[in-house]
Amino acid sequence: MGENKFIKLEEALDRLQTKWPKPLPQEVEKIFHAAKKTIDGLKRDLAKKTKTKRAVSGGKNSFDFVASIHEVLKAHDLLFLSRQLTYHVVTMSDLPQAFGSKEEALSILTELLAISTKQALFGSKLEIQVKQLNLKEGAFVETRFVYGGKPLTDLDRQQMLETFYGAAETGGDSAGLAVVRSTLRSLGGQLWIEFPKEDVVALTFYWPAFDISKSGRAPNTGTYKYDITLVDYAKIRQRFGVERSKKLVGLLEQFVKSLVRYPVDMVISFSEKGIISAIYESQEGAASSVATRISQRLKKESFRLGSKRVTPSFRYQLTFLA
């Protein structure tokens, strides 16, 4: 059974659960939960088998990534009809051909499409942005699933990040994202989550447009989070007020972005707590060098708030995510 058939099975199960007389008996609810958990497990098994098959056959080639996106959209009209969603694909005219397994690309696109449509506001629009991303290893195809949802607080975004990077331990959408992240990493790509606006979420990933087996790329990489916390942030808010304090956090976020490979490395701020987090991939043993570079630069910087310059103090924490 392919990944697309799993998605259709999930859709049918969701429709059945919706039509089931309410309230659901506890025994029936357990059966639905067990069925969805079983589907998640089968999807993970399929991803592992596909990865093994790819390693044995070496069946890699070039394909049109935008055409693959339209293929997935056409196959899953029901996802949009059920929630009265529309979609819009924005792309470059000279996009390079993607390199690798088209079947795996279809599987990843299908999973991210299912998650995005489920979380998007009823009756809203899903925008799919596709462009070329040039890194030192070569060219990649970057794709963003951007959708509107409920306004997110700092706590909401923090919990979403924790769920996203702890996905292997949970079920539902998190389990699907865990499979996508694992598959993309094995292919030389990356998946991350962004929050362009208070009520907007973007699931972003990039896919290689070249044969990564010939790039000399180090396989032993991990994902790390470097938290930069403003010391005495409560006092800063008392002195400068809430809005200027938020502005300071925003200035710090932009400064940290200039020190990493943004947008490949994600930088996100939490203005209520005075925290800026940089999430990045690094070769094993080199993660601390990125953190050190950031902290050394911040020691020398001051920031203007109105007519005054502020030289903040920070507390740092480096955490391994996956």
Protein backbone atom coordinates (compact mmCIF):
# COMPACT_ATOMS: atom_id res chain seq x y z
CA MET A 1 0.00 0.00 0.00
CA GLY A 2 1.50 3.38 -1.09
CA GLU A 3 1.59 6.60 0.91
CA ASN A 4 -1.29 8.11 -1.12
CA LYS A 5 -3.53 5.16 -0.22
CA PHE A 6 -2.72 5.68 3.46
CA ILE A 7 -3.87 9.30 3.15
CA LYS A 8 -7.15 8.20 1.53
CA LEU A 9 -7.63 5.64 4.29
CA GLU A 10 -7.11 8.37 6.91
CA GLU A 11 -9.61 10.60 5.11
CA ALA A 12 -12.20 7.82 5.11
CA LEU A 13 -11.59 7.15 8.80
CA ASP A 14 -12.00 10.87 9.61
CA ARG A 15 -15.29 11.00 7.66
CA LEU A 16 -16.57 7.92 9.48
CA GLN A 17 -15.67 9.41 12.86
CA THR A 18 -17.40 12.69 11.93
CA LYS A 19 -20.62 10.91 10.94
CA TRP A 20 -20.65 8.60 13.99
CA PRO A 21 -23.45 9.54 16.44
CA LYS A 22 -22.26 11.79 19.26
CA PRO A 23 -21.15 11.48 21.96
CA LEU A 24 -18.74 8.71 20.98
CA PRO A 25 -18.79 5.73 23.35
CA GLN A 26 -15.41 5.32 25.04
CA GLU A 27 -14.89 1.91 23.42
CA VAL A 28 -15.56 3.34 19.93
CA GLU A 29 -13.21 6.27 20.57
CA LYS A 30 -10.46 3.81 21.55
CA ILE A 31 -11.00 1.87 18.32
CA PHE A 32 -10.63 5.04 16.20
CA HIS A 33 -7.49 6.00 18.14
CA ALA A 34 -5.98 2.52 17.69
CA ALA A 35 -6.78 2.53 13.95
CA LYS A 36 -5.08 5.91 13.42
CA LYS A 37 -2.07 4.79 15.46
CA THR A 38 -1.80 1.65 13.33
CA ILE A 39 -1.87 3.74 10.13
CA ASP A 40 0.91 5.96 11.51
CA GLY A 41 3.00 2.86 12.23
CA LEU A 42 2.42 1.46 8.73
CA LYS A 43 3.47 4.79 7.21
CA ARG A 44 6.72 4.73 9.18
CA ASP A 45 7.36 1.14 8.07
CA LEU A 46 6.71 2.11 4.45
CA ALA A 47 9.18 5.00 4.72
CA LYS A 48 11.87 2.67 6.06
CA LYS A 49 11.27 0.11 3.30
CA THR A 50 11.36 2.82 0.63
CA LYS A 51 14.64 4.13 2.03
CA THR A 52 16.15 0.61 1.98
CA LYS A 53 14.94 0.01 -1.57
CA ARG A 54 16.49 3.30 -2.69
CA ALA A 55 19.82 2.39 -1.12
CA VAL A 56 19.88 -0.98 -2.91
CA SER A 57 18.69 0.11 -6.33
CA GLY A 58 20.25 3.56 -6.47
CA GLY A 59 17.24 4.53 -8.64
CA LYS A 60 17.75 8.30 -8.69
CA ASN A 61 16.91 10.68 -11.51
CA SER A 62 15.73 14.20 -12.29
CA PHE A 63 12.10 15.30 -12.27
CA ASP A 64 9.90 18.39 -12.38
CA PHE A 65 9.11 19.31 -8.76
CA VAL A 66 6.29 21.74 -9.58
CA ALA A 67 4.61 19.13 -11.79
CA SER A 68 4.81 16.74 -8.82
CA ILE A 69 3.09 19.33 -6.62
CA HIS A 70 0.23 19.70 -9.11
CA GLU A 71 -0.02 15.92 -9.35
CA VAL A 72 -0.52 15.68 -5.59
CA LEU A 73 -3.00 18.58 -5.54
CA LYS A 74 -5.07 17.00 -8.30
CA ALA A 75 -5.13 13.65 -6.49
CA HIS A 76 -6.39 15.16 -3.24
CA ASP A 77 -9.18 17.55 -4.16
CA LEU A 78 -11.22 16.05 -1.33
CA LEU A 79 -8.83 17.58 1.23
CA PHE A 80 -9.80 21.04 -0.03
CA LEU A 81 -13.49 20.36 -0.64
CA SER A 82 -14.02 18.98 2.87
CA ARG A 83 -12.78 22.24 4.44
CA GLN A 84 -13.74 24.60 1.60
CA LEU A 85 -10.11 25.58 1.06
CA THR A 86 -8.49 27.05 -2.04
CA TYR A 87 -4.83 26.86 -3.04
CA HIS A 88 -2.37 28.95 -5.02
CA VAL A 89 1.01 27.78 -6.32
CA VAL A 90 3.69 30.48 -6.68
CA THR A 91 6.89 29.47 -8.44
CA MET A 92 9.90 30.65 -10.46
CA SER A 93 10.02 30.30 -14.24
CA ASP A 94 13.57 28.91 -14.33
CA LEU A 95 13.31 26.43 -11.45
CA PRO A 96 15.93 23.63 -11.69
CA GLN A 97 14.96 19.98 -11.98
CA ALA A 98 14.84 18.13 -8.66
CA PHE A 99 17.16 15.17 -8.24
CA GLY A 100 16.26 11.91 -6.53
CA SER A 101 13.23 9.69 -6.08
CA LYS A 102 10.00 11.20 -7.41
CA GLU A 103 7.99 8.65 -5.40
CA GLU A 104 9.53 9.90 -2.15
CA ALA A 105 8.86 13.49 -3.20
CA LEU A 106 5.19 12.64 -3.81
CA SER A 107 5.02 10.95 -0.41
CA ILE A 108 6.49 13.98 1.37
CA LEU A 109 4.28 16.44 -0.51
CA THR A 110 1.19 14.36 0.27
CA GLU A 111 1.97 14.25 3.99
CA LEU A 112 2.63 17.99 4.25
CA LEU A 113 -0.47 18.77 2.19
CA ALA A 114 -2.62 16.65 4.52
CA ILE A 115 -1.23 18.34 7.64
CA SER A 116 -1.53 21.86 6.19
CA THR A 117 -5.14 21.44 5.05
CA LYS A 118 -6.13 19.91 8.38
CA GLN A 119 -4.66 22.82 10.38
CA ALA A 120 -5.69 25.67 8.03
CA LEU A 121 -8.74 27.77 8.92
CA PHE A 122 -12.00 26.59 7.37
CA GLY A 123 -12.61 28.46 4.11
CA SER A 124 -9.09 29.94 3.90
CA LYS A 125 -6.32 29.67 1.27
CA LEU A 126 -3.23 27.49 1.23
CA GLU A 127 -0.30 29.08 -0.61
CA ILE A 128 2.46 26.82 -1.93
CA GLN A 129 5.64 28.78 -2.69
CA VAL A 130 8.42 27.14 -4.73
CA LYS A 131 11.78 28.70 -5.51
CA GLN A 132 15.46 27.89 -6.01
CA LEU A 133 17.70 27.96 -2.94
CA ASN A 134 21.46 28.15 -3.49
CA LEU A 135 23.70 26.74 -0.77
CA LYS A 136 27.41 26.03 -0.81
CA GLU A 137 26.73 22.35 -1.66
CA GLY A 138 24.64 23.28 -4.69
CA ALA A 139 21.12 24.23 -5.80
CA PHE A 140 17.99 23.09 -3.97
CA VAL A 141 14.25 23.41 -4.56
CA GLU A 142 12.62 25.13 -1.57
CA THR A 143 8.89 24.60 -0.99
CA ARG A 144 6.72 26.34 1.62
CA PHE A 145 3.18 25.34 2.62
CA VAL A 146 1.81 28.61 4.06
CA TYR A 147 -1.59 28.64 5.73
CA GLY A 148 -3.61 30.77 8.11
CA GLY A 149 -4.78 29.50 11.47
CA LYS A 150 -5.80 30.83 14.84
CA PRO A 151 -3.62 33.60 16.34
CA LEU A 152 -0.68 31.99 18.14
CA THR A 153 0.72 33.12 21.47
CA ASP A 154 4.37 32.69 22.41
CA LEU A 155 3.32 29.61 24.39
CA ASP A 156 1.48 28.16 21.36
CA ARG A 157 4.55 28.58 19.15
CA GLN A 158 6.85 27.13 21.80
CA GLN A 159 4.60 24.07 22.17
CA MET A 160 4.43 23.63 18.39
CA LEU A 161 8.23 23.69 18.18
CA GLU A 162 8.55 21.18 21.01
CA THR A 163 6.01 18.89 19.32
CA PHE A 164 7.70 19.35 15.95
CA TYR A 165 11.16 18.39 17.19
CA GLY A 166 9.86 15.67 19.53
CA ALA A 167 7.72 14.17 16.81
CA ALA A 168 9.25 10.70 16.92
CA GLU A 169 7.79 10.15 20.38
CA THR A 170 4.21 11.14 19.52
CA GLY A 171 1.42 10.23 17.10
CA GLY A 172 -0.88 11.92 14.59
CA ASP A 173 0.55 14.83 12.59
CA SER A 174 3.74 14.74 14.66
CA ALA A 175 4.47 11.17 13.61
CA GLY A 176 3.97 12.16 9.96
CA LEU A 177 6.35 15.11 10.31
CA ALA A 178 8.91 12.83 11.96
CA VAL A 179 8.85 10.55 8.90
CA VAL A 180 9.19 13.55 6.55
CA ARG A 181 12.10 15.03 8.53
CA SER A 182 13.91 11.68 8.64
CA THR A 183 13.41 11.02 4.92
CA LEU A 184 14.49 14.52 3.89
CA ARG A 185 17.61 14.37 6.03
CA SER A 186 18.61 11.06 4.39
CA LEU A 187 18.15 12.75 0.99
CA GLY A 188 20.22 15.80 1.90
CA GLY A 189 17.23 18.06 2.49
CA GLN A 190 15.70 19.63 5.58
CA LEU A 191 12.25 20.42 7.01
CA TRP A 192 11.44 23.18 9.47
CA ILE A 193 8.47 25.18 10.76
CA GLU A 194 8.14 28.97 10.61
CA PHE A 195 5.69 31.59 11.88
CA PRO A 196 5.68 34.51 9.37
CA LYS A 197 2.80 36.21 11.21
CA GLU A 198 0.89 35.78 14.45
CA ASP A 199 -1.81 33.74 12.68
CA VAL A 200 0.25 32.20 9.86
CA VAL A 201 2.28 28.97 9.84
CA ALA A 202 4.70 27.79 7.14
CA LEU A 203 5.96 24.23 6.75
CA THR A 204 9.15 24.71 4.73
CA PHE A 205 11.54 22.19 3.23
CA TYR A 206 14.22 22.01 0.61
CA TRP A 207 15.04 19.20 -1.83
CA PRO A 208 18.38 18.77 -3.68
CA ALA A 209 18.67 19.58 -7.38
CA PHE A 210 21.92 17.61 -7.66
CA ASP A 211 23.35 14.22 -6.70
CA ILE A 212 24.28 14.67 -3.03
CA SER A 213 26.23 11.39 -3.00
CA LYS A 214 28.94 13.21 -4.97
CA SER A 215 28.93 16.38 -2.87
CA GLY A 216 31.05 15.12 0.04
CA ARG A 217 28.38 16.28 2.45
CA ALA A 218 28.95 15.00 5.99
CA PRO A 219 26.19 12.56 7.02
CA ASN A 220 26.69 12.89 10.79
CA THR A 221 24.67 16.06 11.30
CA GLY A 222 22.21 16.90 14.04
CA THR A 223 19.67 19.60 14.82
CA TYR A 224 20.43 21.98 17.69
CA LYS A 225 18.60 24.80 19.45
CA TYR A 226 20.49 27.73 20.94
CA ASP A 227 18.34 29.77 23.37
CA ILE A 228 19.43 33.36 24.01
CA THR A 229 17.61 34.81 27.01
CA LEU A 230 17.62 38.47 27.99
CA VAL A 231 18.74 38.72 31.60
CA ASP A 232 16.39 40.83 33.78
CA TYR A 233 13.86 41.12 30.96
CA ALA A 234 11.16 42.06 33.48
CA LYS A 235 13.20 45.11 34.47
CA ILE A 236 13.73 46.04 30.83
CA ARG A 237 9.96 45.98 30.29
CA GLN A 238 9.42 48.14 33.35
CA ARG A 239 11.99 50.67 32.17
CA PHE A 240 11.11 50.87 28.47
CA GLY A 241 7.54 49.58 28.33
CA VAL A 242 6.05 46.55 26.60
CA GLU A 243 6.20 47.83 23.00
CA ARG A 244 9.82 49.01 23.11
CA SER A 245 10.83 45.78 24.83
CA LYS A 246 9.20 43.82 21.99
CA LYS A 247 11.12 46.01 19.56
CA LEU A 248 14.38 45.10 21.33
CA VAL A 249 13.59 41.39 21.00
CA GLY A 250 12.83 41.95 17.30
CA LEU A 251 16.16 43.73 16.78
CA LEU A 252 17.96 40.84 18.48
CA GLU A 253 16.14 38.34 16.28
CA GLN A 254 17.26 40.15 13.12
CA PHE A 255 20.82 40.38 14.42
CA VAL A 256 21.02 36.64 15.14
CA LYS A 257 19.59 35.92 11.67
CA SER A 258 22.59 37.76 10.22
CA LEU A 259 24.94 35.35 12.04
CA VAL A 260 23.48 32.05 10.77
CA ARG A 261 22.50 30.58 7.40
CA TYR A 262 19.03 32.10 7.49
CA PRO A 263 16.56 31.02 6.08
CA VAL A 264 18.10 27.54 6.15
CA ASP A 265 18.71 27.95 9.88
CA MET A 266 15.61 29.13 11.69
CA VAL A 267 15.56 32.03 14.15
CA ILE A 268 12.45 32.72 16.21
CA SER A 269 11.76 35.15 19.05
CA PHE A 270 9.40 35.01 22.03
CA SER A 271 8.75 38.59 23.08
CA GLU A 272 6.76 37.71 26.21
CA LYS A 273 9.77 35.91 27.72
CA GLY A 274 12.61 37.81 26.08
CA ILE A 275 14.00 34.72 24.34
CA ILE A 276 15.52 34.35 20.87
CA SER A 277 16.05 30.77 19.65
CA ALA A 278 18.31 29.77 16.78
CA ILE A 279 17.61 26.27 15.41
CA TYR A 280 20.25 24.93 13.06
CA GLU A 281 21.79 21.79 11.66
CA SER A 282 25.45 21.20 12.36
CA GLN A 283 28.02 18.49 11.89
CA GLU A 284 28.64 16.51 15.04
CA GLY A 285 31.17 18.31 17.24
CA ALA A 286 30.77 21.69 15.51
CA ALA A 287 27.47 22.84 17.05
CA SER A 288 29.18 24.75 19.87
CA SER A 289 31.24 26.81 17.41
CA VAL A 290 28.05 28.32 15.96
CA ALA A 291 26.80 29.09 19.47
CA THR A 292 30.12 30.63 20.46
CA ARG A 293 30.18 32.87 17.39
CA ILE A 294 26.71 34.19 18.25
CA SER A 295 27.50 34.82 21.93
CA GLN A 296 30.83 36.52 21.16
CA ARG A 297 29.18 38.93 18.71
CA LEU A 298 26.32 39.74 21.07
CA LYS A 299 28.79 40.74 23.81
CA LYS A 300 29.98 43.60 21.61
CA GLU A 301 26.61 44.90 20.46
CA SER A 302 24.25 47.59 21.71
CA PHE A 303 20.80 48.42 20.37
CA ARG A 304 18.91 51.70 20.09
CA LEU A 305 15.51 52.06 21.73
CA GLY A 306 14.21 55.52 21.00
CA SER A 307 16.91 58.00 22.00
CA LYS A 308 18.76 55.52 24.23
CA ARG A 309 21.21 52.75 23.48
CA VAL A 310 20.88 49.49 25.38
CA THR A 311 23.64 46.93 25.96
CA PRO A 312 21.75 43.86 27.19
CA SER A 313 23.13 40.89 29.09
CA PHE A 314 22.26 37.34 28.06
CA ARG A 315 22.01 33.79 29.32
CA TYR A 316 22.66 31.00 26.82
CA GLN A 317 21.63 27.35 26.48
CA LEU A 318 22.52 24.90 23.70
CA THR A 319 20.22 21.88 23.33
CA PHE A 320 20.41 18.88 20.99
CA LEU A 321 17.03 18.29 19.33
CA ALA A 322 17.39 15.38 16.92
